[in-house]
Amino acid sequence: MRAFVLLLLPFLWLSVPQSAQAQTLYQTFGEQAGLTHIVDDLYAELLVDPRTKAYFDGAPVDRIKKLLVQQFCELLGGPCVYTGRPMRRAHEGQNINRAAFNALVEDLQDAMDKNGVPFHSQNKLLAKLAPMYRDVQDRP
């Protein structure tokens, strides 16, 4: 009897509605489409935010957005592979300070709020991004 129940478990799990099954972090962010919306909304803010807009003068924004979606997707456990340069190299010579980094985080939080990402899920992504400050900061 016990073996029979164990054989049925996968089928019982599949019969549970998707909403009742645990979502992955990647799914919580809306997968590829959701991440694209979040990054689009983020860049709409970054390009007008007086604390960050100068960092993007002449930058290939469409390419950066594509790479950021890849990076977020990979960090969130999605099927993507980040193909961009390492953070230190990508931000070399840009004189990024803590205030600019914090502004980006605030704008990202606004974009995630706008797209309905739960607060606890936002914190999980931010925890993965926070250590990157060491690689993007301005160094004397």
N, C-alpha and C. Protein backbone atom coordinates (compact mmCIF):
# COMPACT_ATOMS: atom_id res chain seq x y z
N MET A 1 0.83 -1.20 0.00
CA MET A 1 0.00 0.00 0.00
C MET A 1 0.87 1.25 0.00
N ARG A 2 1.91 1.25 0.82
CA ARG A 2 2.79 2.42 0.92
C ARG A 2 3.45 2.72 -0.43
N ALA A 3 3.90 1.71 -1.15
CA ALA A 3 4.52 1.90 -2.47
C ALA A 3 3.52 2.48 -3.44
N PHE A 4 2.28 2.08 -3.36
CA PHE A 4 1.23 2.60 -4.24
C PHE A 4 1.03 4.10 -3.99
N VAL A 5 1.00 4.49 -2.74
CA VAL A 5 0.84 5.91 -2.40
C VAL A 5 2.02 6.71 -2.92
N LEU A 6 3.23 6.18 -2.78
CA LEU A 6 4.41 6.88 -3.28
C LEU A 6 4.36 7.04 -4.79
N LEU A 7 3.82 6.06 -5.49
CA LEU A 7 3.67 6.16 -6.94
C LEU A 7 2.64 7.22 -7.33
N LEU A 8 1.66 7.41 -6.50
CA LEU A 8 0.60 8.38 -6.80
C LEU A 8 1.00 9.82 -6.49
N LEU A 9 1.97 10.03 -5.62
CA LEU A 9 2.33 11.39 -5.19
C LEU A 9 2.61 12.35 -6.34
N PRO A 10 3.40 11.97 -7.34
CA PRO A 10 3.64 12.92 -8.44
C PRO A 10 2.35 13.32 -9.16
N PHE A 11 1.43 12.37 -9.31
CA PHE A 11 0.18 12.67 -9.99
C PHE A 11 -0.72 13.56 -9.13
N LEU A 12 -0.71 13.31 -7.83
CA LEU A 12 -1.48 14.15 -6.92
C LEU A 12 -0.94 15.58 -6.93
N TRP A 13 0.38 15.73 -6.96
CA TRP A 13 1.01 17.05 -7.00
C TRP A 13 0.60 17.80 -8.27
N LEU A 14 0.55 17.10 -9.38
CA LEU A 14 0.16 17.73 -10.65
C LEU A 14 -1.29 18.15 -10.64
N SER A 15 -2.12 17.51 -9.82
CA SER A 15 -3.53 17.87 -9.78
C SER A 15 -3.79 19.09 -8.91
N VAL A 16 -2.81 19.51 -8.13
CA VAL A 16 -2.95 20.71 -7.31
C VAL A 16 -2.90 21.92 -8.22
N PRO A 17 -3.83 22.86 -8.07
CA PRO A 17 -3.79 24.06 -8.92
C PRO A 17 -2.45 24.78 -8.82
N GLN A 18 -2.03 25.37 -9.94
CA GLN A 18 -0.73 26.05 -10.00
C GLN A 18 -0.59 27.09 -8.89
N SER A 19 -1.67 27.81 -8.58
CA SER A 19 -1.58 28.85 -7.56
C SER A 19 -1.27 28.27 -6.19
N ALA A 20 -1.62 27.02 -5.97
CA ALA A 20 -1.35 26.40 -4.68
C ALA A 20 0.06 25.84 -4.61
N GLN A 21 0.69 25.62 -5.75
CA GLN A 21 2.06 25.12 -5.77
C GLN A 21 3.01 26.29 -5.52
N ALA A 22 4.12 26.00 -4.90
CA ALA A 22 5.10 27.05 -4.62
C ALA A 22 5.68 27.58 -5.93
N GLN A 23 5.71 28.89 -6.05
CA GLN A 23 6.32 29.51 -7.23
C GLN A 23 7.80 29.71 -6.98
N THR A 24 8.57 29.61 -8.05
CA THR A 24 9.98 29.94 -7.94
C THR A 24 10.10 31.45 -7.89
N LEU A 25 11.23 31.93 -7.47
CA LEU A 25 11.47 33.37 -7.44
C LEU A 25 11.37 33.95 -8.85
N TYR A 26 11.90 33.24 -9.81
CA TYR A 26 11.82 33.66 -11.22
C TYR A 26 10.36 33.82 -11.66
N GLN A 27 9.50 32.89 -11.28
CA GLN A 27 8.09 32.99 -11.63
C GLN A 27 7.41 34.15 -10.91
N THR A 28 7.81 34.40 -9.67
CA THR A 28 7.23 35.50 -8.91
C THR A 28 7.49 36.84 -9.60
N PHE A 29 8.62 36.94 -10.28
CA PHE A 29 8.96 38.16 -11.00
C PHE A 29 8.33 38.21 -12.39
N GLY A 30 7.55 37.20 -12.75
CA GLY A 30 6.86 37.21 -14.03
C GLY A 30 7.66 36.62 -15.17
N GLU A 31 8.70 35.87 -14.82
CA GLU A 31 9.57 35.24 -15.81
C GLU A 31 10.16 36.28 -16.75
N GLN A 32 10.48 35.89 -17.97
CA GLN A 32 11.17 36.77 -18.93
C GLN A 32 10.36 38.05 -19.21
N ALA A 33 9.08 37.89 -19.45
CA ALA A 33 8.24 39.05 -19.78
C ALA A 33 8.16 40.02 -18.60
N GLY A 34 8.00 39.48 -17.39
CA GLY A 34 7.93 40.33 -16.21
C GLY A 34 9.23 41.07 -15.96
N LEU A 35 10.34 40.36 -16.12
CA LEU A 35 11.65 41.00 -15.93
C LEU A 35 11.88 42.09 -16.97
N THR A 36 11.44 41.86 -18.19
CA THR A 36 11.58 42.89 -19.23
C THR A 36 10.79 44.14 -18.86
N HIS A 37 9.57 43.97 -18.35
CA HIS A 37 8.77 45.13 -17.92
C HIS A 37 9.45 45.87 -16.77
N ILE A 38 9.96 45.11 -15.82
CA ILE A 38 10.63 45.74 -14.67
C ILE A 38 11.84 46.54 -15.13
N VAL A 39 12.65 45.96 -15.99
CA VAL A 39 13.85 46.65 -16.47
C VAL A 39 13.47 47.86 -17.33
N ASP A 40 12.44 47.75 -18.14
CA ASP A 40 11.97 48.91 -18.92
C ASP A 40 11.54 50.04 -17.99
N ASP A 41 10.78 49.70 -16.94
CA ASP A 41 10.34 50.71 -15.98
C ASP A 41 11.52 51.28 -15.19
N LEU A 42 12.47 50.43 -14.86
CA LEU A 42 13.68 50.89 -14.16
C LEU A 42 14.40 51.93 -15.00
N TYR A 43 14.62 51.64 -16.27
CA TYR A 43 15.36 52.56 -17.12
C TYR A 43 14.58 53.83 -17.43
N ALA A 44 13.27 53.75 -17.45
CA ALA A 44 12.47 54.96 -17.60
C ALA A 44 12.77 55.92 -16.45
N GLU A 45 13.00 55.37 -15.26
CA GLU A 45 13.35 56.18 -14.09
C GLU A 45 14.81 56.61 -14.10
N LEU A 46 15.71 55.68 -14.36
CA LEU A 46 17.14 55.99 -14.31
C LEU A 46 17.54 57.10 -15.28
N LEU A 47 16.88 57.14 -16.43
CA LEU A 47 17.25 58.11 -17.47
C LEU A 47 16.74 59.52 -17.19
N VAL A 48 15.83 59.65 -16.20
CA VAL A 48 15.36 60.99 -15.82
C VAL A 48 15.75 61.36 -14.39
N ASP A 49 16.19 60.39 -13.62
CA ASP A 49 16.59 60.63 -12.24
C ASP A 49 17.87 61.46 -12.25
N PRO A 50 17.86 62.65 -11.65
CA PRO A 50 19.05 63.51 -11.67
C PRO A 50 20.27 62.86 -11.01
N ARG A 51 20.05 61.86 -10.16
CA ARG A 51 21.15 61.19 -9.49
C ARG A 51 21.83 60.14 -10.37
N THR A 52 21.17 59.73 -11.46
CA THR A 52 21.70 58.63 -12.27
C THR A 52 21.78 58.92 -13.76
N LYS A 53 21.02 59.88 -14.25
CA LYS A 53 20.92 60.03 -15.72
C LYS A 53 22.25 60.29 -16.41
N ALA A 54 23.17 60.99 -15.76
CA ALA A 54 24.46 61.29 -16.39
C ALA A 54 25.28 60.03 -16.67
N TYR A 55 25.06 58.98 -15.90
CA TYR A 55 25.80 57.73 -16.10
C TYR A 55 25.42 57.05 -17.42
N PHE A 56 24.30 57.46 -18.00
CA PHE A 56 23.80 56.78 -19.20
C PHE A 56 23.92 57.63 -20.47
N ASP A 57 24.54 58.81 -20.36
CA ASP A 57 24.76 59.63 -21.56
C ASP A 57 25.62 58.85 -22.55
N GLY A 58 25.09 58.61 -23.73
CA GLY A 58 25.83 57.92 -24.76
C GLY A 58 25.95 56.41 -24.56
N ALA A 59 25.32 55.89 -23.53
CA ALA A 59 25.41 54.44 -23.25
C ALA A 59 24.44 53.67 -24.17
N PRO A 60 24.79 52.44 -24.53
CA PRO A 60 23.90 51.61 -25.35
C PRO A 60 22.78 51.02 -24.48
N VAL A 61 21.79 51.84 -24.18
CA VAL A 61 20.76 51.49 -23.20
C VAL A 61 20.02 50.21 -23.58
N ASP A 62 19.67 50.03 -24.84
CA ASP A 62 18.95 48.80 -25.21
C ASP A 62 19.77 47.56 -24.92
N ARG A 63 21.06 47.63 -25.20
CA ARG A 63 21.95 46.49 -24.92
C ARG A 63 22.07 46.26 -23.41
N ILE A 64 22.20 47.34 -22.66
CA ILE A 64 22.32 47.23 -21.21
C ILE A 64 21.05 46.62 -20.62
N LYS A 65 19.90 47.05 -21.12
CA LYS A 65 18.63 46.51 -20.63
C LYS A 65 18.54 45.00 -20.89
N LYS A 66 18.94 44.59 -22.09
CA LYS A 66 18.90 43.17 -22.44
C LYS A 66 19.79 42.36 -21.48
N LEU A 67 20.99 42.89 -21.22
CA LEU A 67 21.92 42.19 -20.32
C LEU A 67 21.41 42.17 -18.88
N LEU A 68 20.75 43.25 -18.47
CA LEU A 68 20.23 43.30 -17.11
C LEU A 68 19.09 42.29 -16.93
N VAL A 69 18.26 42.13 -17.95
CA VAL A 69 17.21 41.11 -17.89
C VAL A 69 17.87 39.73 -17.76
N GLN A 70 18.91 39.48 -18.54
CA GLN A 70 19.63 38.21 -18.44
C GLN A 70 20.18 38.00 -17.03
N GLN A 71 20.79 39.04 -16.50
CA GLN A 71 21.42 38.94 -15.18
C GLN A 71 20.37 38.67 -14.10
N PHE A 72 19.28 39.42 -14.12
CA PHE A 72 18.22 39.20 -13.14
C PHE A 72 17.65 37.80 -13.28
N CYS A 73 17.42 37.38 -14.50
CA CYS A 73 16.88 36.06 -14.77
C CYS A 73 17.78 34.98 -14.17
N GLU A 74 19.07 35.09 -14.40
CA GLU A 74 20.01 34.12 -13.86
C GLU A 74 20.03 34.16 -12.33
N LEU A 75 20.06 35.36 -11.75
CA LEU A 75 20.10 35.50 -10.30
C LEU A 75 18.84 34.94 -9.63
N LEU A 76 17.72 35.00 -10.35
CA LEU A 76 16.45 34.54 -9.80
C LEU A 76 16.18 33.06 -10.07
N GLY A 77 17.16 32.38 -10.64
CA GLY A 77 17.01 30.96 -10.88
C GLY A 77 16.29 30.61 -12.18
N GLY A 78 16.19 31.58 -13.08
CA GLY A 78 15.56 31.32 -14.37
C GLY A 78 16.51 30.62 -15.33
N PRO A 79 16.04 30.39 -16.55
CA PRO A 79 16.83 29.62 -17.51
C PRO A 79 17.86 30.43 -18.29
N CYS A 80 18.11 31.65 -17.90
CA CYS A 80 19.01 32.53 -18.65
C CYS A 80 20.46 32.38 -18.19
N VAL A 81 21.34 32.82 -19.07
CA VAL A 81 22.77 32.89 -18.76
C VAL A 81 23.20 34.32 -19.06
N TYR A 82 23.78 34.98 -18.08
CA TYR A 82 24.28 36.34 -18.26
C TYR A 82 25.49 36.30 -19.17
N THR A 83 25.45 37.08 -20.26
CA THR A 83 26.53 37.07 -21.25
C THR A 83 27.34 38.36 -21.25
N GLY A 84 27.07 39.24 -20.29
CA GLY A 84 27.80 40.50 -20.23
C GLY A 84 29.15 40.37 -19.55
N ARG A 85 29.84 41.50 -19.51
CA ARG A 85 31.14 41.54 -18.87
C ARG A 85 30.99 41.46 -17.34
N PRO A 86 32.05 41.09 -16.64
CA PRO A 86 32.01 41.13 -15.17
C PRO A 86 31.70 42.55 -14.70
N MET A 87 31.04 42.69 -13.58
CA MET A 87 30.59 43.99 -13.08
C MET A 87 31.74 44.99 -12.94
N ARG A 88 32.85 44.56 -12.43
CA ARG A 88 33.99 45.48 -12.25
C ARG A 88 34.41 46.07 -13.58
N ARG A 89 34.54 45.24 -14.58
CA ARG A 89 34.98 45.70 -15.90
C ARG A 89 33.92 46.56 -16.58
N ALA A 90 32.66 46.18 -16.45
CA ALA A 90 31.57 46.90 -17.09
C ALA A 90 31.40 48.32 -16.55
N HIS A 91 31.78 48.52 -15.29
CA HIS A 91 31.57 49.83 -14.65
C HIS A 91 32.87 50.61 -14.41
N GLU A 92 33.96 50.09 -14.93
CA GLU A 92 35.26 50.71 -14.75
C GLU A 92 35.28 52.15 -15.28
N GLY A 93 35.79 53.07 -14.46
CA GLY A 93 35.94 54.46 -14.86
C GLY A 93 34.67 55.28 -14.87
N GLN A 94 33.59 54.74 -14.36
CA GLN A 94 32.32 55.48 -14.37
C GLN A 94 32.11 56.32 -13.11
N ASN A 95 33.01 56.22 -12.16
CA ASN A 95 32.94 57.01 -10.93
C ASN A 95 31.62 56.85 -10.19
N ILE A 96 31.18 55.63 -10.06
CA ILE A 96 29.93 55.34 -9.36
C ILE A 96 30.18 55.39 -7.86
N ASN A 97 29.39 56.17 -7.18
CA ASN A 97 29.52 56.29 -5.73
C ASN A 97 28.30 55.67 -5.04
N ARG A 98 28.34 55.63 -3.74
CA ARG A 98 27.26 55.00 -2.96
C ARG A 98 25.92 55.68 -3.23
N ALA A 99 25.90 57.01 -3.36
CA ALA A 99 24.64 57.72 -3.61
C ALA A 99 24.01 57.30 -4.93
N ALA A 100 24.81 57.16 -5.97
CA ALA A 100 24.29 56.74 -7.28
C ALA A 100 23.80 55.29 -7.21
N PHE A 101 24.54 54.43 -6.52
CA PHE A 101 24.14 53.04 -6.38
C PHE A 101 22.82 52.96 -5.61
N ASN A 102 22.70 53.72 -4.54
CA ASN A 102 21.47 53.73 -3.75
C ASN A 102 20.29 54.26 -4.57
N ALA A 103 20.55 55.25 -5.42
CA ALA A 103 19.49 55.78 -6.29
C ALA A 103 19.00 54.70 -7.24
N LEU A 104 19.92 53.93 -7.79
CA LEU A 104 19.53 52.83 -8.67
C LEU A 104 18.67 51.83 -7.92
N VAL A 105 19.04 51.51 -6.69
CA VAL A 105 18.27 50.56 -5.89
C VAL A 105 16.87 51.12 -5.64
N GLU A 106 16.76 52.40 -5.31
CA GLU A 106 15.44 53.01 -5.09
C GLU A 106 14.59 52.94 -6.36
N ASP A 107 15.20 53.25 -7.49
CA ASP A 107 14.46 53.21 -8.75
C ASP A 107 14.06 51.78 -9.10
N LEU A 108 14.91 50.81 -8.77
CA LEU A 108 14.57 49.41 -8.99
C LEU A 108 13.40 49.00 -8.10
N GLN A 109 13.43 49.42 -6.85
CA GLN A 109 12.31 49.10 -5.95
C GLN A 109 11.00 49.68 -6.48
N ASP A 110 11.05 50.91 -6.99
CA ASP A 110 9.85 51.53 -7.57
C ASP A 110 9.35 50.72 -8.76
N ALA A 111 10.27 50.26 -9.61
CA ALA A 111 9.89 49.47 -10.78
C ALA A 111 9.28 48.13 -10.35
N MET A 112 9.85 47.51 -9.34
CA MET A 112 9.31 46.24 -8.86
C MET A 112 7.94 46.45 -8.23
N ASP A 113 7.76 47.54 -7.46
CA ASP A 113 6.44 47.86 -6.89
C ASP A 113 5.42 48.05 -8.01
N LYS A 114 5.79 48.82 -9.00
CA LYS A 114 4.89 49.10 -10.13
C LYS A 114 4.44 47.81 -10.81
N ASN A 115 5.30 46.80 -10.80
CA ASN A 115 5.00 45.54 -11.47
C ASN A 115 4.47 44.46 -10.52
N GLY A 116 4.14 44.86 -9.31
CA GLY A 116 3.47 43.96 -8.37
C GLY A 116 4.34 42.86 -7.77
N VAL A 117 5.65 43.07 -7.71
CA VAL A 117 6.53 42.07 -7.10
C VAL A 117 6.40 42.20 -5.58
N PRO A 118 6.08 41.10 -4.89
CA PRO A 118 5.94 41.16 -3.44
C PRO A 118 7.23 41.65 -2.77
N PHE A 119 7.06 42.37 -1.67
CA PHE A 119 8.18 42.97 -0.96
C PHE A 119 9.24 41.94 -0.57
N HIS A 120 8.82 40.79 -0.05
CA HIS A 120 9.80 39.77 0.37
C HIS A 120 10.58 39.23 -0.83
N SER A 121 9.97 39.18 -1.99
CA SER A 121 10.68 38.74 -3.20
C SER A 121 11.65 39.81 -3.67
N GLN A 122 11.24 41.07 -3.56
CA GLN A 122 12.14 42.18 -3.89
C GLN A 122 13.41 42.08 -3.05
N ASN A 123 13.23 41.83 -1.76
CA ASN A 123 14.38 41.76 -0.86
C ASN A 123 15.32 40.63 -1.23
N LYS A 124 14.78 39.54 -1.75
CA LYS A 124 15.64 38.43 -2.16
C LYS A 124 16.52 38.81 -3.34
N LEU A 125 15.95 39.55 -4.30
CA LEU A 125 16.77 40.01 -5.42
C LEU A 125 17.79 41.04 -4.95
N LEU A 126 17.35 41.99 -4.14
CA LEU A 126 18.27 43.03 -3.65
C LEU A 126 19.42 42.42 -2.85
N ALA A 127 19.16 41.37 -2.11
CA ALA A 127 20.23 40.70 -1.35
C ALA A 127 21.27 40.09 -2.28
N LYS A 128 20.83 39.66 -3.46
CA LYS A 128 21.77 39.10 -4.43
C LYS A 128 22.56 40.20 -5.15
N LEU A 129 21.96 41.38 -5.26
CA LEU A 129 22.61 42.49 -5.95
C LEU A 129 23.54 43.29 -5.04
N ALA A 130 23.22 43.37 -3.76
CA ALA A 130 23.97 44.23 -2.83
C ALA A 130 25.48 44.00 -2.85
N PRO A 131 25.97 42.76 -2.87
CA PRO A 131 27.42 42.56 -2.88
C PRO A 131 28.09 43.10 -4.15
N MET A 132 27.33 43.36 -5.17
CA MET A 132 27.92 43.86 -6.42
C MET A 132 28.41 45.30 -6.29
N TYR A 133 27.99 45.99 -5.23
CA TYR A 133 28.46 47.36 -5.04
C TYR A 133 29.98 47.41 -5.01
N ARG A 134 30.59 46.41 -4.40
CA ARG A 134 32.06 46.37 -4.33
C ARG A 134 32.69 46.40 -5.73
N ASP A 135 32.00 45.80 -6.69
CA ASP A 135 32.55 45.71 -8.05
C ASP A 135 32.24 46.92 -8.92
N VAL A 136 31.22 47.71 -8.56
CA VAL A 136 30.86 48.84 -9.42
C VAL A 136 31.28 50.19 -8.84
N GLN A 137 31.66 50.23 -7.58
CA GLN A 137 32.00 51.49 -6.93
C GLN A 137 33.26 52.13 -7.49
N ASP A 138 33.32 53.43 -7.35
CA ASP A 138 34.51 54.16 -7.73
C ASP A 138 35.63 53.83 -6.74
N ARG A 139 36.81 53.54 -7.27
CA ARG A 139 37.96 53.24 -6.42
C ARG A 139 39.06 54.28 -6.65
N PRO A 140 39.68 54.73 -5.55
CA PRO A 140 40.76 55.71 -5.71
C PRO A 140 41.98 55.12 -6.40
